[in-house]
Amino acid sequence: MKLVVQRVAHASVEVDGEITGKIDGGLMALVGFGENDTEKEADYLARKLAKLRVFPDDDGKMNRSVLDIGGKLLLVPQFTLYGKVKKYRPSFHRVLAPDKATELFDYFTDKCREYVEVETGVFGAFMKVDLLNNGPVTILLEKEYDD
């Protein structure tokens, strides 16, 4: 499972001309699932994302989490995070099947909601994502399947 996390001043996702998710401060995460990902990886990364300390404290050091600042999460499903590029065109043979990935995205969203308010994009839809990266701060979080 992979997350590309950005600290944002604001972010939104639009599908067919309608805003499906919008936050005014917090973290936006592109969320991708590999072929072997399970609820175990989702549990781990939901906790990690909620507690990730990338917001400044009073001394300007990245010492606060989205929980600490009262921010929100915007989760955007992004299967292309598992694209492998050997030449010029990515292949997606390591991506979790869409039906299982949809279920795992919903599970991950629910786990994140145990910590903080969450908005989302729409799994499988063509989405337009708008954001203002605050910093800029961009972090890659991964949890690979392990037996």
N, C-alpha and C. Protein backbone atom coordinates (compact mmCIF):
# COMPACT_ATOMS: atom_id res chain seq x y z
N MET A 1 0.86 -1.17 0.00
CA MET A 1 0.00 0.00 0.00
C MET A 1 0.90 1.23 0.00
N LYS A 2 0.52 2.20 -0.80
CA LYS A 2 1.31 3.42 -0.92
C LYS A 2 0.41 4.64 -0.76
N LEU A 3 0.96 5.65 -0.08
CA LEU A 3 0.30 6.94 0.05
C LEU A 3 1.28 8.03 -0.35
N VAL A 4 0.85 8.94 -1.18
CA VAL A 4 1.59 10.16 -1.44
C VAL A 4 0.82 11.25 -0.69
N VAL A 5 1.44 11.76 0.37
CA VAL A 5 0.77 12.66 1.31
C VAL A 5 1.31 14.08 1.12
N GLN A 6 0.39 15.03 1.02
CA GLN A 6 0.79 16.43 0.91
C GLN A 6 0.10 17.24 1.98
N ARG A 7 0.88 18.08 2.65
CA ARG A 7 0.31 19.04 3.60
C ARG A 7 -0.30 20.16 2.77
N VAL A 8 -1.58 20.42 2.98
CA VAL A 8 -2.28 21.38 2.11
C VAL A 8 -2.95 22.50 2.90
N ALA A 9 -2.99 23.67 2.28
CA ALA A 9 -3.77 24.78 2.81
C ALA A 9 -5.24 24.56 2.46
N HIS A 10 -5.48 23.97 1.27
CA HIS A 10 -6.82 23.54 0.87
C HIS A 10 -6.67 22.53 -0.25
N ALA A 11 -7.68 21.68 -0.40
CA ALA A 11 -7.68 20.69 -1.48
C ALA A 11 -9.11 20.27 -1.76
N SER A 12 -9.36 19.90 -3.01
CA SER A 12 -10.68 19.41 -3.38
C SER A 12 -10.55 18.43 -4.53
N VAL A 13 -11.58 17.62 -4.68
CA VAL A 13 -11.64 16.68 -5.80
C VAL A 13 -13.02 16.82 -6.43
N GLU A 14 -13.01 16.83 -7.77
CA GLU A 14 -14.24 17.04 -8.55
C GLU A 14 -14.46 15.88 -9.49
N VAL A 15 -15.71 15.42 -9.57
CA VAL A 15 -16.10 14.36 -10.50
C VAL A 15 -17.33 14.84 -11.27
N ASP A 16 -17.24 14.84 -12.59
CA ASP A 16 -18.36 15.26 -13.44
C ASP A 16 -18.92 16.63 -13.04
N GLY A 17 -18.03 17.56 -12.74
CA GLY A 17 -18.43 18.92 -12.42
C GLY A 17 -18.92 19.13 -10.99
N GLU A 18 -18.91 18.10 -10.17
CA GLU A 18 -19.35 18.22 -8.77
C GLU A 18 -18.20 17.94 -7.82
N ILE A 19 -18.10 18.75 -6.78
CA ILE A 19 -17.09 18.54 -5.74
C ILE A 19 -17.53 17.35 -4.88
N THR A 20 -16.69 16.33 -4.80
CA THR A 20 -17.03 15.15 -3.98
C THR A 20 -16.31 15.17 -2.64
N GLY A 21 -15.26 15.95 -2.54
CA GLY A 21 -14.52 16.08 -1.29
C GLY A 21 -13.76 17.38 -1.28
N LYS A 22 -13.73 18.03 -0.10
CA LYS A 22 -13.05 19.32 0.00
C LYS A 22 -12.61 19.52 1.44
N ILE A 23 -11.36 19.99 1.60
CA ILE A 23 -10.86 20.35 2.93
C ILE A 23 -10.20 21.72 2.87
N ASP A 24 -10.22 22.41 4.00
CA ASP A 24 -9.61 23.74 4.06
C ASP A 24 -8.30 23.74 4.83
N GLY A 25 -7.77 22.61 5.11
CA GLY A 25 -6.47 22.52 5.77
C GLY A 25 -6.28 21.12 6.31
N GLY A 26 -5.11 20.58 6.12
CA GLY A 26 -4.83 19.23 6.60
C GLY A 26 -3.93 18.50 5.64
N LEU A 27 -4.29 17.25 5.37
CA LEU A 27 -3.48 16.39 4.51
C LEU A 27 -4.32 15.83 3.37
N MET A 28 -3.77 15.87 2.17
CA MET A 28 -4.37 15.18 1.04
C MET A 28 -3.48 13.99 0.73
N ALA A 29 -4.09 12.81 0.57
CA ALA A 29 -3.31 11.62 0.29
C ALA A 29 -3.85 10.92 -0.95
N LEU A 30 -2.95 10.66 -1.90
CA LEU A 30 -3.24 9.76 -3.00
C LEU A 30 -3.02 8.36 -2.45
N VAL A 31 -3.97 7.45 -2.67
CA VAL A 31 -3.96 6.14 -2.03
C VAL A 31 -3.95 5.05 -3.09
N GLY A 32 -2.91 4.19 -3.05
CA GLY A 32 -2.81 3.08 -4.00
C GLY A 32 -2.63 1.76 -3.29
N PHE A 33 -3.22 0.70 -3.88
CA PHE A 33 -3.15 -0.64 -3.29
C PHE A 33 -2.47 -1.60 -4.24
N GLY A 34 -1.53 -2.36 -3.68
CA GLY A 34 -0.86 -3.41 -4.44
C GLY A 34 -1.61 -4.71 -4.35
N GLU A 35 -1.24 -5.65 -5.19
CA GLU A 35 -1.98 -6.91 -5.34
C GLU A 35 -2.08 -7.74 -4.06
N ASN A 36 -1.19 -7.56 -3.10
CA ASN A 36 -1.22 -8.35 -1.88
C ASN A 36 -1.69 -7.58 -0.65
N ASP A 37 -2.12 -6.34 -0.83
CA ASP A 37 -2.51 -5.52 0.33
C ASP A 37 -3.78 -6.04 0.98
N THR A 38 -3.82 -5.87 2.31
CA THR A 38 -4.94 -6.34 3.12
C THR A 38 -5.32 -5.26 4.12
N GLU A 39 -6.26 -5.58 4.98
CA GLU A 39 -6.66 -4.66 6.05
C GLU A 39 -5.51 -4.37 7.00
N LYS A 40 -4.58 -5.29 7.12
CA LYS A 40 -3.42 -5.08 8.00
C LYS A 40 -2.62 -3.85 7.57
N GLU A 41 -2.35 -3.72 6.28
CA GLU A 41 -1.61 -2.56 5.78
C GLU A 41 -2.44 -1.29 5.93
N ALA A 42 -3.75 -1.40 5.69
CA ALA A 42 -4.64 -0.24 5.82
C ALA A 42 -4.69 0.25 7.27
N ASP A 43 -4.77 -0.67 8.22
CA ASP A 43 -4.78 -0.30 9.64
C ASP A 43 -3.52 0.47 10.01
N TYR A 44 -2.39 -0.08 9.59
CA TYR A 44 -1.09 0.53 9.90
C TYR A 44 -0.99 1.95 9.33
N LEU A 45 -1.35 2.10 8.04
CA LEU A 45 -1.19 3.40 7.40
C LEU A 45 -2.25 4.41 7.83
N ALA A 46 -3.42 3.98 8.23
CA ALA A 46 -4.43 4.91 8.76
C ALA A 46 -3.91 5.56 10.03
N ARG A 47 -3.35 4.75 10.91
CA ARG A 47 -2.78 5.26 12.17
C ARG A 47 -1.58 6.17 11.89
N LYS A 48 -0.72 5.72 11.00
CA LYS A 48 0.48 6.49 10.64
C LYS A 48 0.11 7.85 10.03
N LEU A 49 -0.88 7.85 9.14
CA LEU A 49 -1.30 9.09 8.49
C LEU A 49 -1.89 10.08 9.50
N ALA A 50 -2.74 9.60 10.39
CA ALA A 50 -3.37 10.47 11.38
C ALA A 50 -2.36 11.06 12.35
N LYS A 51 -1.29 10.33 12.62
CA LYS A 51 -0.31 10.76 13.62
C LYS A 51 0.97 11.34 13.01
N LEU A 52 1.01 11.44 11.68
CA LEU A 52 2.19 11.96 10.98
C LEU A 52 2.41 13.43 11.36
N ARG A 53 3.57 13.72 11.91
CA ARG A 53 3.85 15.07 12.41
C ARG A 53 4.57 15.90 11.35
N VAL A 54 3.76 16.62 10.56
CA VAL A 54 4.31 17.45 9.49
C VAL A 54 3.83 18.90 9.57
N PHE A 55 3.13 19.24 10.66
CA PHE A 55 2.65 20.61 10.85
C PHE A 55 3.53 21.30 11.89
N PRO A 56 3.79 22.59 11.71
CA PRO A 56 4.73 23.29 12.60
C PRO A 56 4.16 23.51 14.00
N ASP A 57 5.07 23.41 14.98
CA ASP A 57 4.74 23.78 16.35
C ASP A 57 5.05 25.27 16.53
N ASP A 58 5.03 25.75 17.76
CA ASP A 58 5.28 27.18 18.01
C ASP A 58 6.69 27.61 17.64
N ASP A 59 7.62 26.66 17.55
CA ASP A 59 9.00 26.97 17.17
C ASP A 59 9.24 26.77 15.67
N GLY A 60 8.18 26.43 14.93
CA GLY A 60 8.32 26.24 13.50
C GLY A 60 8.82 24.86 13.09
N LYS A 61 8.97 23.94 14.04
CA LYS A 61 9.43 22.59 13.73
C LYS A 61 8.23 21.70 13.40
N MET A 62 8.40 20.78 12.46
CA MET A 62 7.32 19.85 12.12
C MET A 62 7.14 18.88 13.28
N ASN A 63 6.19 19.21 14.15
CA ASN A 63 6.01 18.47 15.39
C ASN A 63 4.55 18.19 15.71
N ARG A 64 3.64 18.61 14.83
CA ARG A 64 2.22 18.42 15.08
C ARG A 64 1.59 17.58 13.96
N SER A 65 0.58 16.82 14.35
CA SER A 65 -0.15 15.98 13.39
C SER A 65 -1.43 16.68 12.95
N VAL A 66 -2.11 16.09 12.00
CA VAL A 66 -3.41 16.60 11.56
C VAL A 66 -4.40 16.57 12.72
N LEU A 67 -4.24 15.61 13.61
CA LEU A 67 -5.07 15.54 14.82
C LEU A 67 -4.81 16.76 15.71
N ASP A 68 -3.53 17.08 15.90
CA ASP A 68 -3.14 18.19 16.78
C ASP A 68 -3.67 19.53 16.30
N ILE A 69 -3.75 19.72 14.99
CA ILE A 69 -4.17 21.03 14.46
C ILE A 69 -5.67 21.10 14.17
N GLY A 70 -6.38 19.99 14.36
CA GLY A 70 -7.81 19.98 14.05
C GLY A 70 -8.08 20.01 12.56
N GLY A 71 -7.15 19.47 11.77
CA GLY A 71 -7.30 19.45 10.32
C GLY A 71 -8.09 18.24 9.85
N LYS A 72 -8.20 18.12 8.54
CA LYS A 72 -8.95 17.03 7.91
C LYS A 72 -8.07 16.29 6.92
N LEU A 73 -8.58 15.15 6.46
CA LEU A 73 -7.92 14.37 5.43
C LEU A 73 -8.78 14.38 4.17
N LEU A 74 -8.13 14.46 3.02
CA LEU A 74 -8.79 14.22 1.74
C LEU A 74 -8.08 13.02 1.13
N LEU A 75 -8.81 11.92 0.98
CA LEU A 75 -8.25 10.68 0.43
C LEU A 75 -8.71 10.52 -1.01
N VAL A 76 -7.73 10.31 -1.90
CA VAL A 76 -8.01 10.19 -3.34
C VAL A 76 -7.46 8.86 -3.83
N PRO A 77 -8.34 7.93 -4.25
CA PRO A 77 -7.85 6.65 -4.76
C PRO A 77 -7.03 6.86 -6.03
N GLN A 78 -5.87 6.18 -6.11
CA GLN A 78 -4.94 6.44 -7.20
C GLN A 78 -4.20 5.15 -7.56
N PHE A 79 -4.81 4.32 -8.39
CA PHE A 79 -4.20 3.03 -8.73
C PHE A 79 -2.87 3.19 -9.45
N THR A 80 -2.63 4.33 -10.11
CA THR A 80 -1.40 4.50 -10.88
C THR A 80 -0.15 4.56 -10.00
N LEU A 81 -0.31 4.64 -8.69
CA LEU A 81 0.86 4.62 -7.80
C LEU A 81 1.62 3.30 -7.93
N TYR A 82 0.95 2.26 -8.41
CA TYR A 82 1.60 0.96 -8.58
C TYR A 82 2.01 0.70 -10.02
N GLY A 83 1.99 1.74 -10.84
CA GLY A 83 2.46 1.58 -12.22
C GLY A 83 3.97 1.35 -12.24
N LYS A 84 4.39 0.40 -13.04
CA LYS A 84 5.81 0.11 -13.19
C LYS A 84 6.21 0.51 -14.60
N VAL A 85 7.27 1.31 -14.70
CA VAL A 85 7.69 1.83 -16.00
C VAL A 85 9.07 1.28 -16.34
N LYS A 86 9.11 0.31 -17.25
CA LYS A 86 10.39 -0.20 -17.72
C LYS A 86 10.86 0.58 -18.94
N LYS A 87 9.93 0.92 -19.80
CA LYS A 87 10.29 1.70 -20.99
C LYS A 87 9.58 3.04 -20.90
N TYR A 88 8.48 3.20 -21.64
CA TYR A 88 7.81 4.50 -21.67
C TYR A 88 6.35 4.44 -21.28
N ARG A 89 5.78 3.26 -21.29
CA ARG A 89 4.36 3.10 -20.95
C ARG A 89 4.27 2.28 -19.66
N PRO A 90 3.56 2.79 -18.66
CA PRO A 90 3.46 2.04 -17.39
C PRO A 90 2.60 0.79 -17.54
N SER A 91 2.96 -0.23 -16.78
CA SER A 91 2.11 -1.42 -16.68
C SER A 91 1.58 -1.47 -15.24
N PHE A 92 0.43 -2.06 -15.09
CA PHE A 92 -0.24 -2.05 -13.80
C PHE A 92 -0.55 -3.46 -13.31
N HIS A 93 0.31 -4.40 -13.59
CA HIS A 93 0.05 -5.79 -13.22
C HIS A 93 0.15 -6.05 -11.71
N ARG A 94 0.73 -5.14 -10.94
CA ARG A 94 0.85 -5.32 -9.49
C ARG A 94 -0.27 -4.62 -8.71
N VAL A 95 -1.24 -4.04 -9.42
CA VAL A 95 -2.33 -3.31 -8.78
C VAL A 95 -3.37 -4.30 -8.25
N LEU A 96 -3.94 -3.99 -7.10
CA LEU A 96 -5.02 -4.81 -6.55
C LEU A 96 -6.24 -4.72 -7.47
N ALA A 97 -6.92 -5.84 -7.68
CA ALA A 97 -8.11 -5.88 -8.53
C ALA A 97 -9.12 -4.82 -8.09
N PRO A 98 -9.81 -4.18 -9.04
CA PRO A 98 -10.71 -3.06 -8.71
C PRO A 98 -11.76 -3.37 -7.64
N ASP A 99 -12.40 -4.53 -7.68
CA ASP A 99 -13.42 -4.82 -6.67
C ASP A 99 -12.83 -4.91 -5.28
N LYS A 100 -11.68 -5.56 -5.16
CA LYS A 100 -11.00 -5.66 -3.85
C LYS A 100 -10.43 -4.31 -3.42
N ALA A 101 -9.92 -3.56 -4.38
CA ALA A 101 -9.35 -2.24 -4.07
C ALA A 101 -10.44 -1.28 -3.59
N THR A 102 -11.62 -1.35 -4.19
CA THR A 102 -12.74 -0.51 -3.75
C THR A 102 -13.09 -0.81 -2.31
N GLU A 103 -13.19 -2.09 -1.98
CA GLU A 103 -13.49 -2.51 -0.60
C GLU A 103 -12.40 -2.04 0.36
N LEU A 104 -11.14 -2.17 -0.04
CA LEU A 104 -10.04 -1.79 0.83
C LEU A 104 -9.96 -0.27 0.98
N PHE A 105 -10.27 0.48 -0.06
CA PHE A 105 -10.31 1.93 0.04
C PHE A 105 -11.40 2.36 1.03
N ASP A 106 -12.57 1.74 0.94
CA ASP A 106 -13.65 2.05 1.87
C ASP A 106 -13.26 1.70 3.31
N TYR A 107 -12.60 0.56 3.47
CA TYR A 107 -12.12 0.15 4.79
C TYR A 107 -11.10 1.16 5.33
N PHE A 108 -10.15 1.54 4.48
CA PHE A 108 -9.12 2.49 4.88
C PHE A 108 -9.74 3.84 5.27
N THR A 109 -10.72 4.28 4.49
CA THR A 109 -11.42 5.53 4.79
C THR A 109 -12.09 5.45 6.16
N ASP A 110 -12.77 4.35 6.42
CA ASP A 110 -13.43 4.17 7.72
C ASP A 110 -12.42 4.15 8.87
N LYS A 111 -11.28 3.51 8.65
CA LYS A 111 -10.22 3.48 9.69
C LYS A 111 -9.70 4.88 9.95
N CYS A 112 -9.49 5.66 8.91
CA CYS A 112 -9.02 7.04 9.08
C CYS A 112 -10.05 7.87 9.83
N ARG A 113 -11.33 7.61 9.59
CA ARG A 113 -12.40 8.35 10.27
C ARG A 113 -12.43 8.07 11.78
N GLU A 114 -11.79 7.01 12.21
CA GLU A 114 -11.68 6.74 13.64
C GLU A 114 -10.78 7.78 14.32
N TYR A 115 -9.96 8.45 13.53
CA TYR A 115 -9.01 9.43 14.04
C TYR A 115 -9.41 10.88 13.76
N VAL A 116 -9.90 11.13 12.53
CA VAL A 116 -10.06 12.50 12.06
C VAL A 116 -11.16 12.56 10.99
N GLU A 117 -11.67 13.76 10.72
CA GLU A 117 -12.69 13.92 9.68
C GLU A 117 -12.06 13.69 8.31
N VAL A 118 -12.80 12.98 7.45
CA VAL A 118 -12.27 12.56 6.15
C VAL A 118 -13.25 12.91 5.03
N GLU A 119 -12.70 13.42 3.94
CA GLU A 119 -13.40 13.61 2.68
C GLU A 119 -12.71 12.70 1.66
N THR A 120 -13.41 12.35 0.57
CA THR A 120 -12.80 11.44 -0.40
C THR A 120 -13.12 11.82 -1.84
N GLY A 121 -12.32 11.23 -2.71
CA GLY A 121 -12.64 11.21 -4.13
C GLY A 121 -13.53 10.01 -4.38
N VAL A 122 -13.73 9.65 -5.65
CA VAL A 122 -14.61 8.55 -6.01
C VAL A 122 -13.78 7.48 -6.70
N PHE A 123 -13.79 6.28 -6.15
CA PHE A 123 -13.00 5.19 -6.69
C PHE A 123 -13.45 4.87 -8.12
N GLY A 124 -12.50 4.80 -9.04
CA GLY A 124 -12.76 4.43 -10.42
C GLY A 124 -13.24 5.57 -11.31
N ALA A 125 -13.44 6.74 -10.74
CA ALA A 125 -13.93 7.88 -11.52
C ALA A 125 -12.76 8.69 -12.07
N PHE A 126 -13.03 9.45 -13.13
CA PHE A 126 -12.07 10.44 -13.61
C PHE A 126 -12.22 11.65 -12.70
N MET A 127 -11.16 12.01 -12.00
CA MET A 127 -11.23 13.07 -10.99
C MET A 127 -10.30 14.22 -11.35
N LYS A 128 -10.74 15.41 -11.01
CA LYS A 128 -9.88 16.59 -11.10
C LYS A 128 -9.54 16.97 -9.66
N VAL A 129 -8.25 16.98 -9.35
CA VAL A 129 -7.79 17.29 -8.00
C VAL A 129 -7.16 18.67 -8.00
N ASP A 130 -7.59 19.50 -7.07
CA ASP A 130 -7.07 20.85 -6.93
C ASP A 130 -6.52 20.97 -5.52
N LEU A 131 -5.29 21.48 -5.39
CA LEU A 131 -4.72 21.63 -4.06
C LEU A 131 -3.69 22.74 -4.03
N LEU A 132 -3.49 23.26 -2.84
CA LEU A 132 -2.41 24.21 -2.59
C LEU A 132 -1.52 23.56 -1.55
N ASN A 133 -0.37 23.03 -2.00
CA ASN A 133 0.58 22.38 -1.11
C ASN A 133 1.17 23.44 -0.21
N ASN A 134 1.17 23.18 1.07
CA ASN A 134 1.60 24.14 2.09
C ASN A 134 2.98 23.76 2.58
N GLY A 135 3.99 24.42 2.07
CA GLY A 135 5.36 24.14 2.51
C GLY A 135 6.38 24.40 1.42
N PRO A 136 6.46 23.62 0.41
CA PRO A 136 5.72 22.39 0.16
C PRO A 136 6.21 21.25 1.05
N VAL A 137 5.27 20.42 1.45
CA VAL A 137 5.59 19.21 2.21
C VAL A 137 4.90 18.04 1.51
N THR A 138 5.70 17.08 1.05
CA THR A 138 5.19 15.87 0.40
C THR A 138 5.96 14.69 0.96
N ILE A 139 5.21 13.68 1.43
CA ILE A 139 5.80 12.51 2.07
C ILE A 139 5.25 11.25 1.39
N LEU A 140 6.09 10.26 1.16
CA LEU A 140 5.67 8.97 0.65
C LEU A 140 5.62 7.99 1.82
N LEU A 141 4.43 7.42 2.06
CA LEU A 141 4.27 6.40 3.09
C LEU A 141 3.97 5.08 2.40
N GLU A 142 4.65 4.02 2.83
CA GLU A 142 4.44 2.70 2.24
C GLU A 142 4.37 1.65 3.34
N LYS A 143 3.56 0.67 3.10
CA LYS A 143 3.55 -0.53 3.94
C LYS A 143 3.36 -1.69 3.00
N GLU A 144 4.41 -2.45 2.80
CA GLU A 144 4.35 -3.60 1.92
C GLU A 144 3.76 -4.77 2.65
N TYR A 145 3.09 -5.62 1.90
CA TYR A 145 2.52 -6.86 2.43
C TYR A 145 3.63 -7.72 3.01
N ASP A 146 3.42 -8.19 4.23
CA ASP A 146 4.35 -9.16 4.78
C ASP A 146 3.58 -10.28 5.45
N ASP A 147 4.09 -11.48 5.30
CA ASP A 147 3.38 -12.67 5.79
C ASP A 147 3.12 -12.62 7.24
